[in-house]
Amino acid sequence: MPIYSKVAENLASSETEDILFTKIDIYNNEGMELPEAMAGEPIIRIYRADDKEHPLNFQGTFVTNEIEAWIKKNLYQEMMSANDL
């Protein structure tokens, strides 16, 4: 099972119901390009619903537990920030 699928499966819960996992082929979609700051692919990004201009880029090792920890860290930071409003 690909890492992305495993991460999505592991994070499938009520806590993450607002997360959408998607795969985009940047080579076969007009207007998509590899960001200059990213050296290679694959790329994992988090886009906030209210700020699509400033995504968070994953820069760790492409292993399931690191990706999950990064998503949870950023998800919970976002949830805590929203609750502070």
PDB file of N, CA and C in Angstrom:
ATOM      1  N   MET A   1       0.848  -1.180   0.000  1.00  0.00           N
ATOM      2  CA  MET A   1       0.000   0.000   0.000  1.00  0.00           C
ATOM      3  C   MET A   1       0.896   1.246   0.000  1.00  0.00           C
ATOM      4  N   PRO A   2       0.625   2.190  -0.907  1.00  0.00           N
ATOM      5  CA  PRO A   2       1.423   3.416  -0.942  1.00  0.00           C
ATOM      6  C   PRO A   2       1.345   4.172   0.392  1.00  0.00           C
ATOM      7  N   ILE A   3       2.401   4.894   0.704  1.00  0.00           N
ATOM      8  CA  ILE A   3       2.459   5.632   1.967  1.00  0.00           C
ATOM      9  C   ILE A   3       1.274   6.570   2.126  1.00  0.00           C
ATOM     10  N   TYR A   4       0.902   7.296   1.076  1.00  0.00           N
ATOM     11  CA  TYR A   4      -0.206   8.245   1.182  1.00  0.00           C
ATOM     12  C   TYR A   4      -1.499   7.542   1.583  1.00  0.00           C
ATOM     13  N   SER A   5      -1.758   6.413   0.966  1.00  0.00           N
ATOM     14  CA  SER A   5      -2.980   5.662   1.270  1.00  0.00           C
ATOM     15  C   SER A   5      -2.972   5.171   2.708  1.00  0.00           C
ATOM     16  N   LYS A   6      -1.832   4.706   3.168  1.00  0.00           N
ATOM     17  CA  LYS A   6      -1.701   4.226   4.544  1.00  0.00           C
ATOM     18  C   LYS A   6      -1.919   5.369   5.531  1.00  0.00           C
ATOM     19  N   VAL A   7      -1.343   6.533   5.272  1.00  0.00           N
ATOM     20  CA  VAL A   7      -1.520   7.694   6.148  1.00  0.00           C
ATOM     21  C   VAL A   7      -2.993   8.094   6.191  1.00  0.00           C
ATOM     22  N   ALA A   8      -3.629   8.176   5.038  1.00  0.00           N
ATOM     23  CA  ALA A   8      -5.050   8.541   4.989  1.00  0.00           C
ATOM     24  C   ALA A   8      -5.894   7.539   5.758  1.00  0.00           C
ATOM     25  N   GLU A   9      -5.602   6.272   5.598  1.00  0.00           N
ATOM     26  CA  GLU A   9      -6.342   5.224   6.310  1.00  0.00           C
ATOM     27  C   GLU A   9      -6.126   5.344   7.817  1.00  0.00           C
ATOM     28  N   ASN A  10      -4.899   5.556   8.238  1.00  0.00           N
ATOM     29  CA  ASN A  10      -4.589   5.665   9.664  1.00  0.00           C
ATOM     30  C   ASN A  10      -5.214   6.890  10.308  1.00  0.00           C
ATOM     31  N   LEU A  11      -5.357   7.968   9.542  1.00  0.00           N
ATOM     32  CA  LEU A  11      -5.891   9.206  10.098  1.00  0.00           C
ATOM     33  C   LEU A  11      -7.396   9.352   9.911  1.00  0.00           C
ATOM     34  N   ALA A  12      -8.027   8.364   9.314  1.00  0.00           N
ATOM     35  CA  ALA A  12      -9.469   8.425   9.095  1.00  0.00           C
ATOM     36  C   ALA A  12     -10.179   8.297  10.447  1.00  0.00           C
ATOM     37  N   SER A  13     -10.720   9.420  10.904  1.00  0.00           N
ATOM     38  CA  SER A  13     -11.455   9.441  12.169  1.00  0.00           C
ATOM     39  C   SER A  13     -12.258  10.722  12.226  1.00  0.00           C
ATOM     40  N   SER A  14     -13.048  10.860  13.270  1.00  0.00           N
ATOM     41  CA  SER A  14     -13.844  12.077  13.418  1.00  0.00           C
ATOM     42  C   SER A  14     -12.951  13.299  13.615  1.00  0.00           C
ATOM     43  N   GLU A  15     -11.755  13.107  14.189  1.00  0.00           N
ATOM     44  CA  GLU A  15     -10.828  14.218  14.400  1.00  0.00           C
ATOM     45  C   GLU A  15     -10.317  14.788  13.088  1.00  0.00           C
ATOM     46  N   THR A  16     -10.274  13.978  12.060  1.00  0.00           N
ATOM     47  CA  THR A  16      -9.703  14.413  10.785  1.00  0.00           C
ATOM     48  C   THR A  16     -10.741  14.440   9.672  1.00  0.00           C
ATOM     49  N   GLU A  17     -12.013  14.535  10.031  1.00  0.00           N
ATOM     50  CA  GLU A  17     -13.044  14.472   8.994  1.00  0.00           C
ATOM     51  C   GLU A  17     -12.997  15.664   8.040  1.00  0.00           C
ATOM     52  N   ASP A  18     -12.354  16.753   8.449  1.00  0.00           N
ATOM     53  CA  ASP A  18     -12.250  17.917   7.577  1.00  0.00           C
ATOM     54  C   ASP A  18     -11.000  17.920   6.716  1.00  0.00           C
ATOM     55  N   ILE A  19     -10.247  16.832   6.750  1.00  0.00           N
ATOM     56  CA  ILE A  19      -9.033  16.731   5.940  1.00  0.00           C
ATOM     57  C   ILE A  19      -9.349  16.000   4.641  1.00  0.00           C
ATOM     58  N   LEU A  20      -8.884  16.555   3.549  1.00  0.00           N
ATOM     59  CA  LEU A  20      -9.037  15.928   2.237  1.00  0.00           C
ATOM     60  C   LEU A  20      -7.653  15.517   1.750  1.00  0.00           C
ATOM     61  N   PHE A  21      -7.477  14.231   1.505  1.00  0.00           N
ATOM     62  CA  PHE A  21      -6.228  13.729   0.935  1.00  0.00           C
ATOM     63  C   PHE A  21      -6.438  13.594  -0.555  1.00  0.00           C
ATOM     64  N   THR A  22      -5.524  14.119  -1.339  1.00  0.00           N
ATOM     65  CA  THR A  22      -5.652  14.022  -2.784  1.00  0.00           C
ATOM     66  C   THR A  22      -4.273  13.883  -3.417  1.00  0.00           C
ATOM     67  N   LYS A  23      -4.259  13.302  -4.573  1.00  0.00           N
ATOM     68  CA  LYS A  23      -3.026  13.141  -5.336  1.00  0.00           C
ATOM     69  C   LYS A  23      -3.191  13.921  -6.633  1.00  0.00           C
ATOM     70  N   ILE A  24      -2.201  14.748  -6.940  1.00  0.00           N
ATOM     71  CA  ILE A  24      -2.253  15.555  -8.159  1.00  0.00           C
ATOM     72  C   ILE A  24      -1.004  15.277  -8.979  1.00  0.00           C
ATOM     73  N   ASP A  25      -1.199  14.956 -10.228  1.00  0.00           N
ATOM     74  CA  ASP A  25      -0.096  14.744 -11.158  1.00  0.00           C
ATOM     75  C   ASP A  25       0.255  16.097 -11.778  1.00  0.00           C
ATOM     76  N   ILE A  26       1.353  16.705 -11.300  1.00  0.00           N
ATOM     77  CA  ILE A  26       1.695  18.046 -11.766  1.00  0.00           C
ATOM     78  C   ILE A  26       2.145  18.081 -13.221  1.00  0.00           C
ATOM     79  N   TYR A  27       2.499  16.922 -13.756  1.00  0.00           N
ATOM     80  CA  TYR A  27       2.977  16.883 -15.128  1.00  0.00           C
ATOM     81  C   TYR A  27       1.842  16.806 -16.148  1.00  0.00           C
ATOM     82  N   ASN A  28       0.686  16.346 -15.719  1.00  0.00           N
ATOM     83  CA  ASN A  28      -0.437  16.199 -16.642  1.00  0.00           C
ATOM     84  C   ASN A  28      -1.609  17.101 -16.291  1.00  0.00           C
ATOM     85  N   ASN A  29      -1.377  18.140 -15.520  1.00  0.00           N
ATOM     86  CA  ASN A  29      -2.404  19.112 -15.173  1.00  0.00           C
ATOM     87  C   ASN A  29      -1.885  20.503 -15.487  1.00  0.00           C
ATOM     88  N   GLU A  30      -2.534  21.132 -16.447  1.00  0.00           N
ATOM     89  CA  GLU A  30      -2.117  22.457 -16.881  1.00  0.00           C
ATOM     90  C   GLU A  30      -2.134  23.430 -15.706  1.00  0.00           C
ATOM     91  N   GLY A  31      -1.113  24.250 -15.608  1.00  0.00           N
ATOM     92  CA  GLY A  31      -1.042  25.253 -14.554  1.00  0.00           C
ATOM     93  C   GLY A  31      -0.374  24.765 -13.281  1.00  0.00           C
ATOM     94  N   MET A  32      -0.059  23.483 -13.211  1.00  0.00           N
ATOM     95  CA  MET A  32       0.600  22.938 -12.023  1.00  0.00           C
ATOM     96  C   MET A  32       2.092  22.884 -12.302  1.00  0.00           C
ATOM     97  N   GLU A  33       2.874  23.255 -11.316  1.00  0.00           N
ATOM     98  CA  GLU A  33       4.322  23.172 -11.483  1.00  0.00           C
ATOM     99  C   GLU A  33       4.965  22.880 -10.141  1.00  0.00           C
ATOM    100  N   LEU A  34       6.139  22.321 -10.191  1.00  0.00           N
ATOM    101  CA  LEU A  34       6.905  22.010  -8.991  1.00  0.00           C
ATOM    102  C   LEU A  34       7.459  23.310  -8.428  1.00  0.00           C
ATOM    103  N   PRO A  35       7.147  23.623  -7.161  1.00  0.00           N
ATOM    104  CA  PRO A  35       7.673  24.868  -6.588  1.00  0.00           C
ATOM    105  C   PRO A  35       9.199  24.878  -6.610  1.00  0.00           C
ATOM    106  N   GLU A  36       9.780  26.035  -6.897  1.00  0.00           N
ATOM    107  CA  GLU A  36      11.233  26.143  -6.987  1.00  0.00           C
ATOM    108  C   GLU A  36      11.919  25.743  -5.684  1.00  0.00           C
ATOM    109  N   ALA A  37      11.289  26.013  -4.560  1.00  0.00           N
ATOM    110  CA  ALA A  37      11.898  25.722  -3.259  1.00  0.00           C
ATOM    111  C   ALA A  37      11.921  24.226  -2.953  1.00  0.00           C
ATOM    112  N   MET A  38      11.156  23.445  -3.679  1.00  0.00           N
ATOM    113  CA  MET A  38      11.099  22.010  -3.449  1.00  0.00           C
ATOM    114  C   MET A  38      12.041  21.331  -4.426  1.00  0.00           C
ATOM    115  N   ALA A  39      12.949  20.543  -3.902  1.00  0.00           N
ATOM    116  CA  ALA A  39      13.988  19.939  -4.728  1.00  0.00           C
ATOM    117  C   ALA A  39      13.501  18.762  -5.546  1.00  0.00           C
ATOM    118  N   GLY A  40      12.489  18.094  -5.114  1.00  0.00           N
ATOM    119  CA  GLY A  40      12.034  16.912  -5.834  1.00  0.00           C
ATOM    120  C   GLY A  40      10.593  16.586  -5.501  1.00  0.00           C
ATOM    121  N   GLU A  41      10.234  15.394  -5.763  1.00  0.00           N
ATOM    122  CA  GLU A  41       8.879  14.955  -5.477  1.00  0.00           C
ATOM    123  C   GLU A  41       8.933  13.563  -4.878  1.00  0.00           C
ATOM    124  N   PRO A  42       7.960  13.060  -4.259  1.00  0.00           N
ATOM    125  CA  PRO A  42       6.639  13.657  -4.079  1.00  0.00           C
ATOM    126  C   PRO A  42       6.672  14.800  -3.064  1.00  0.00           C
ATOM    127  N   ILE A  43       5.615  15.585  -3.081  1.00  0.00           N
ATOM    128  CA  ILE A  43       5.459  16.722  -2.186  1.00  0.00           C
ATOM    129  C   ILE A  43       4.193  16.501  -1.370  1.00  0.00           C
ATOM    130  N   ILE A  44       4.288  16.765  -0.090  1.00  0.00           N
ATOM    131  CA  ILE A  44       3.103  16.741   0.766  1.00  0.00           C
ATOM    132  C   ILE A  44       2.920  18.152   1.286  1.00  0.00           C
ATOM    133  N   ARG A  45       1.711  18.662   1.125  1.00  0.00           N
ATOM    134  CA  ARG A  45       1.393  20.016   1.563  1.00  0.00           C
ATOM    135  C   ARG A  45       0.091  20.019   2.354  1.00  0.00           C
ATOM    136  N   ILE A  46       0.004  20.974   3.256  1.00  0.00           N
ATOM    137  CA  ILE A  46      -1.258  21.254   3.939  1.00  0.00           C
ATOM    138  C   ILE A  46      -1.692  22.642   3.498  1.00  0.00           C
ATOM    139  N   TYR A  47      -2.908  22.714   2.972  1.00  0.00           N
ATOM    140  CA  TYR A  47      -3.507  23.990   2.608  1.00  0.00           C
ATOM    141  C   TYR A  47      -4.650  24.264   3.582  1.00  0.00           C
ATOM    142  N   ARG A  48      -4.616  25.406   4.227  1.00  0.00           N
ATOM    143  CA  ARG A  48      -5.724  25.800   5.098  1.00  0.00           C
ATOM    144  C   ARG A  48      -6.870  26.263   4.220  1.00  0.00           C
ATOM    145  N   ALA A  49      -8.083  25.991   4.652  1.00  0.00           N
ATOM    146  CA  ALA A  49      -9.259  26.393   3.886  1.00  0.00           C
ATOM    147  C   ALA A  49      -9.320  27.908   3.711  1.00  0.00           C
ATOM    148  N   ASP A  50      -8.828  28.659   4.686  1.00  0.00           N
ATOM    149  CA  ASP A  50      -8.916  30.118   4.614  1.00  0.00           C
ATOM    150  C   ASP A  50      -7.628  30.789   4.129  1.00  0.00           C
ATOM    151  N   ASP A  51      -6.632  30.003   3.729  1.00  0.00           N
ATOM    152  CA  ASP A  51      -5.368  30.588   3.265  1.00  0.00           C
ATOM    153  C   ASP A  51      -4.660  29.624   2.319  1.00  0.00           C
ATOM    154  N   LYS A  52      -5.125  29.567   1.106  1.00  0.00           N
ATOM    155  CA  LYS A  52      -4.555  28.643   0.127  1.00  0.00           C
ATOM    156  C   LYS A  52      -3.269  29.171  -0.517  1.00  0.00           C
ATOM    157  N   GLU A  53      -2.912  30.414  -0.214  1.00  0.00           N
ATOM    158  CA  GLU A  53      -1.716  31.021  -0.786  1.00  0.00           C
ATOM    159  C   GLU A  53      -0.441  30.658  -0.023  1.00  0.00           C
ATOM    160  N   HIS A  54      -0.565  30.123   1.190  1.00  0.00           N
ATOM    161  CA  HIS A  54       0.596  29.843   2.034  1.00  0.00           C
ATOM    162  C   HIS A  54       0.538  28.415   2.578  1.00  0.00           C
ATOM    163  N   PRO A  55       0.794  27.423   1.735  1.00  0.00           N
ATOM    164  CA  PRO A  55       0.739  26.037   2.214  1.00  0.00           C
ATOM    165  C   PRO A  55       1.922  25.702   3.117  1.00  0.00           C
ATOM    166  N   LEU A  56       1.715  24.695   3.953  1.00  0.00           N
ATOM    167  CA  LEU A  56       2.801  24.153   4.770  1.00  0.00           C
ATOM    168  C   LEU A  56       3.384  22.980   3.993  1.00  0.00           C
ATOM    169  N   ASN A  57       4.692  22.940   3.862  1.00  0.00           N
ATOM    170  CA  ASN A  57       5.361  21.881   3.105  1.00  0.00           C
ATOM    171  C   ASN A  57       6.036  20.895   4.040  1.00  0.00           C
ATOM    172  N   PHE A  58       5.756  19.623   3.856  1.00  0.00           N
ATOM    173  CA  PHE A  58       6.410  18.571   4.640  1.00  0.00           C
ATOM    174  C   PHE A  58       7.850  18.446   4.183  1.00  0.00           C
ATOM    175  N   GLN A  59       8.784  18.416   5.154  1.00  0.00           N
ATOM    176  CA  GLN A  59      10.194  18.323   4.803  1.00  0.00           C
ATOM    177  C   GLN A  59      10.897  17.199   5.555  1.00  0.00           C
ATOM    178  N   GLY A  60      10.139  16.225   6.009  1.00  0.00           N
ATOM    179  CA  GLY A  60      10.728  15.112   6.737  1.00  0.00           C
ATOM    180  C   GLY A  60      11.009  13.920   5.836  1.00  0.00           C
ATOM    181  N   THR A  61      11.193  12.783   6.477  1.00  0.00           N
ATOM    182  CA  THR A  61      11.416  11.532   5.767  1.00  0.00           C
ATOM    183  C   THR A  61      10.069  10.946   5.366  1.00  0.00           C
ATOM    184  N   PHE A  62       9.979  10.422   4.159  1.00  0.00           N
ATOM    185  CA  PHE A  62       8.712   9.889   3.663  1.00  0.00           C
ATOM    186  C   PHE A  62       8.439   8.500   4.231  1.00  0.00           C
ATOM    187  N   VAL A  63       8.130   8.485   5.515  1.00  0.00           N
ATOM    188  CA  VAL A  63       7.700   7.269   6.196  1.00  0.00           C
ATOM    189  C   VAL A  63       6.401   7.600   6.909  1.00  0.00           C
ATOM    190  N   THR A  64       5.548   6.610   7.025  1.00  0.00           N
ATOM    191  CA  THR A  64       4.197   6.813   7.528  1.00  0.00           C
ATOM    192  C   THR A  64       4.148   7.551   8.855  1.00  0.00           C
ATOM    193  N   ASN A  65       4.923   7.106   9.842  1.00  0.00           N
ATOM    194  CA  ASN A  65       4.800   7.712  11.171  1.00  0.00           C
ATOM    195  C   ASN A  65       5.243   9.180  11.187  1.00  0.00           C
ATOM    196  N   GLU A  66       6.236   9.562  10.406  1.00  0.00           N
ATOM    197  CA  GLU A  66       6.667  10.966  10.362  1.00  0.00           C
ATOM    198  C   GLU A  66       5.624  11.847   9.681  1.00  0.00           C
ATOM    199  N   ILE A  67       5.051  11.361   8.612  1.00  0.00           N
ATOM    200  CA  ILE A  67       4.020  12.129   7.907  1.00  0.00           C
ATOM    201  C   ILE A  67       2.801  12.302   8.808  1.00  0.00           C
ATOM    202  N   GLU A  68       2.371  11.230   9.461  1.00  0.00           N
ATOM    203  CA  GLU A  68       1.219  11.309  10.358  1.00  0.00           C
ATOM    204  C   GLU A  68       1.482  12.282  11.496  1.00  0.00           C
ATOM    205  N   ALA A  69       2.656  12.226  12.099  1.00  0.00           N
ATOM    206  CA  ALA A  69       2.992  13.121  13.211  1.00  0.00           C
ATOM    207  C   ALA A  69       2.964  14.580  12.746  1.00  0.00           C
ATOM    208  N   TRP A  70       3.484  14.850  11.554  1.00  0.00           N
ATOM    209  CA  TRP A  70       3.492  16.207  11.014  1.00  0.00           C
ATOM    210  C   TRP A  70       2.071  16.709  10.765  1.00  0.00           C
ATOM    211  N   ILE A  71       1.240  15.876  10.186  1.00  0.00           N
ATOM    212  CA  ILE A  71      -0.146  16.273   9.929  1.00  0.00           C
ATOM    213  C   ILE A  71      -0.864  16.543  11.243  1.00  0.00           C
ATOM    214  N   LYS A  72      -0.723  15.638  12.209  1.00  0.00           N
ATOM    215  CA  LYS A  72      -1.392  15.817  13.504  1.00  0.00           C
ATOM    216  C   LYS A  72      -0.911  17.081  14.194  1.00  0.00           C
ATOM    217  N   LYS A  73       0.386  17.315  14.182  1.00  0.00           N
ATOM    218  CA  LYS A  73       0.939  18.519  14.813  1.00  0.00           C
ATOM    219  C   LYS A  73       0.313  19.767  14.207  1.00  0.00           C
ATOM    220  N   ASN A  74       0.269  19.828  12.892  1.00  0.00           N
ATOM    221  CA  ASN A  74      -0.271  21.002  12.218  1.00  0.00           C
ATOM    222  C   ASN A  74      -1.781  21.075  12.332  1.00  0.00           C
ATOM    223  N   LEU A  75      -2.451  19.948  12.341  1.00  0.00           N
ATOM    224  CA  LEU A  75      -3.897  19.926  12.505  1.00  0.00           C
ATOM    225  C   LEU A  75      -4.274  20.440  13.887  1.00  0.00           C
ATOM    226  N   TYR A  76      -3.606  19.939  14.911  1.00  0.00           N
ATOM    227  CA  TYR A  76      -3.939  20.347  16.269  1.00  0.00           C
ATOM    228  C   TYR A  76      -3.560  21.795  16.532  1.00  0.00           C
ATOM    229  N   GLN A  77      -2.472  22.282  15.950  1.00  0.00           N
ATOM    230  CA  GLN A  77      -2.128  23.696  16.082  1.00  0.00           C
ATOM    231  C   GLN A  77      -3.218  24.552  15.471  1.00  0.00           C
ATOM    232  N   GLU A  78      -3.721  24.124  14.330  1.00  0.00           N
ATOM    233  CA  GLU A  78      -4.766  24.861  13.639  1.00  0.00           C
ATOM    234  C   GLU A  78      -6.046  24.859  14.454  1.00  0.00           C
ATOM    235  N   MET A  79      -6.391  23.700  15.031  1.00  0.00           N
ATOM    236  CA  MET A  79      -7.609  23.587  15.832  1.00  0.00           C
ATOM    237  C   MET A  79      -7.488  24.450  17.082  1.00  0.00           C
ATOM    238  N   MET A  80      -6.314  24.460  17.715  1.00  0.00           N
ATOM    239  CA  MET A  80      -6.111  25.251  18.915  1.00  0.00           C
ATOM    240  C   MET A  80      -6.187  26.744  18.578  1.00  0.00           C
ATOM    241  N   SER A  81      -5.624  27.157  17.462  1.00  0.00           N
ATOM    242  CA  SER A  81      -5.676  28.550  17.050  1.00  0.00           C
ATOM    243  C   SER A  81      -7.107  28.988  16.793  1.00  0.00           C
ATOM    244  N   ALA A  82      -7.893  28.135  16.167  1.00  0.00           N
ATOM    245  CA  ALA A  82      -9.299  28.461  15.885  1.00  0.00           C
ATOM    246  C   ALA A  82     -10.085  28.587  17.172  1.00  0.00           C
ATOM    247  N   ASN A  83      -9.776  27.769  18.179  1.00  0.00           N
ATOM    248  CA  ASN A  83     -10.492  27.827  19.452  1.00  0.00           C
ATOM    249  C   ASN A  83     -10.118  29.055  20.253  1.00  0.00           C
ATOM    250  N   ASP A  84      -8.982  29.668  19.978  1.00  0.00           N
ATOM    251  CA  ASP A  84      -8.552  30.853  20.695  1.00  0.00           C
ATOM    252  C   ASP A  84      -9.285  32.112  20.227  1.00  0.00           C
ATOM    253  N   LEU A  85      -9.932  32.021  19.078  1.00  0.00           N
ATOM    254  CA  LEU A  85     -10.606  33.209  18.524  1.00  0.00           C
ATOM    255  C   LEU A  85     -11.813  33.588  19.319  1.00  0.00           C
TER     256      LEU A  85
END
